C-alpha atoms as a PDB file:
ATOM      1  CA  MET A   1     -39.614  18.864   6.926  1.00  0.00           C
ATOM      2  CA  GLU A   2     -38.538  21.891   4.916  1.00  0.00           C
ATOM      3  CA  VAL A   3     -35.721  22.618   7.383  1.00  0.00           C
ATOM      4  CA  PHE A   4     -34.110  19.233   6.756  1.00  0.00           C
ATOM      5  CA  GLY A   5     -34.208  19.761   2.998  1.00  0.00           C
ATOM      6  CA  VAL A   6     -32.433  23.117   3.278  1.00  0.00           C
ATOM      7  CA  MET A   7     -29.909  21.715   5.759  1.00  0.00           C
ATOM      8  CA  GLY A   8     -29.194  18.745   3.513  1.00  0.00           C
ATOM      9  CA  MET A   9     -28.629  21.022   0.540  1.00  0.00           C
ATOM     10  CA  SER A  10     -26.352  23.271   2.608  1.00  0.00           C
ATOM     11  CA  PHE A  11     -24.219  20.332   3.720  1.00  0.00           C
ATOM     12  CA  GLY A  12     -24.153  19.030   0.156  1.00  0.00           C
ATOM     13  CA  VAL A  13     -22.857  22.354  -1.170  1.00  0.00           C
ATOM     14  CA  MET A  14     -20.257  22.527   1.603  1.00  0.00           C
ATOM     15  CA  GLY A  15     -19.144  18.969   0.858  1.00  0.00           C
ATOM     16  CA  MET A  16     -18.752  19.664  -2.850  1.00  0.00           C
ATOM     17  CA  SER A  17     -16.820  22.866  -2.111  1.00  0.00           C
ATOM     18  CA  LEU A  18     -14.440  21.124   0.269  1.00  0.00           C
ATOM     19  CA  GLY A  19     -14.022  18.259  -2.177  1.00  0.00           C
ATOM     20  CA  THR A  20     -13.095  20.684  -4.947  1.00  0.00           C
ATOM     21  CA  VAL A  21     -10.610  22.499  -2.697  1.00  0.00           C
ATOM     22  CA  GLY A  22      -9.062  19.149  -1.727  1.00  0.00           C
ATOM     23  CA  PHE A  23      -8.754  18.103  -5.364  1.00  0.00           C
ATOM     24  CA  VAL A  24      -7.060  21.377  -6.357  1.00  0.00           C
ATOM     25  CA  PHE A  25      -4.702  21.187  -3.358  1.00  0.00           C
ATOM     26  CA  GLY A  26      -3.781  17.602  -4.237  1.00  0.00           C
ATOM     27  CA  LEU A  27      -3.148  18.511  -7.861  1.00  0.00           C
ATOM     28  CA  ILE A  28      -0.886  21.438  -6.919  1.00  0.00           C
ATOM     29  CA  SER A  29       0.980  19.264  -4.398  1.00  0.00           C
ATOM     30  CA  PHE A  30       1.528  16.565  -7.019  1.00  0.00           C
ATOM     31  CA  VAL A  31       2.974  19.056  -9.520  1.00  0.00           C
ATOM     32  CA  GLN A  32       5.256  20.618  -6.895  1.00  0.00           C
ATOM     33  CA  THR A  33       6.517  17.177  -5.848  1.00  0.00           C
ATOM     34  CA  LYS A  34       7.328  16.321  -9.475  1.00  0.00           C
ATOM     35  CA  LYS A  35       9.263  19.603  -9.842  1.00  0.00           C
ATOM     36  CA  LEU A  36      11.192  18.943  -6.625  1.00  0.00           C
ATOM     37  CA  THR A  37      12.062  15.404  -7.721  1.00  0.00           C
ATOM     38  CA  LYS A  38      13.295  16.677 -11.076  1.00  0.00           C
ATOM     39  CA  THR A  39      15.433  19.385  -9.446  1.00  0.00           C
ATOM     40  CA  LEU A  40      16.969  16.965  -6.942  1.00  0.00           C
ATOM     41  CA  LYS A  41      17.811  14.494  -9.714  1.00  0.00           C
ATOM     42  CA  GLU A  42      19.453  17.254 -11.774  1.00  0.00           C
ATOM     43  CA  LYS A  43      21.618  18.295  -8.798  1.00  0.00           C
ATOM     44  CA  GLY A  44      22.605  14.691  -8.084  1.00  0.00           C
ATOM     45  CA  ILE A  45      21.066  14.623  -4.626  1.00  0.00           C
ATOM     46  CA  LEU A  46      18.506  12.022  -5.666  1.00  0.00           C
ATOM     47  CA  GLU A  47      19.708   9.168  -7.816  1.00  0.00           C
ATOM     48  CA  GLU A  48      17.965   8.214 -11.054  1.00  0.00           C
ATOM     49  CA  ASN A  49      15.795   5.097 -10.942  1.00  0.00           C
END
């Protein structure tokens, strides 16, 4: 039964790591999208809403 406990912990750590990476990637993508939207509005390519 010890093997399953170690495996479960390993998968838990991997899941948390991937979740954190996904969160950081999403946050960076959100900020970059906001910057792009702002730039396009300033240049008149995207109209103001």
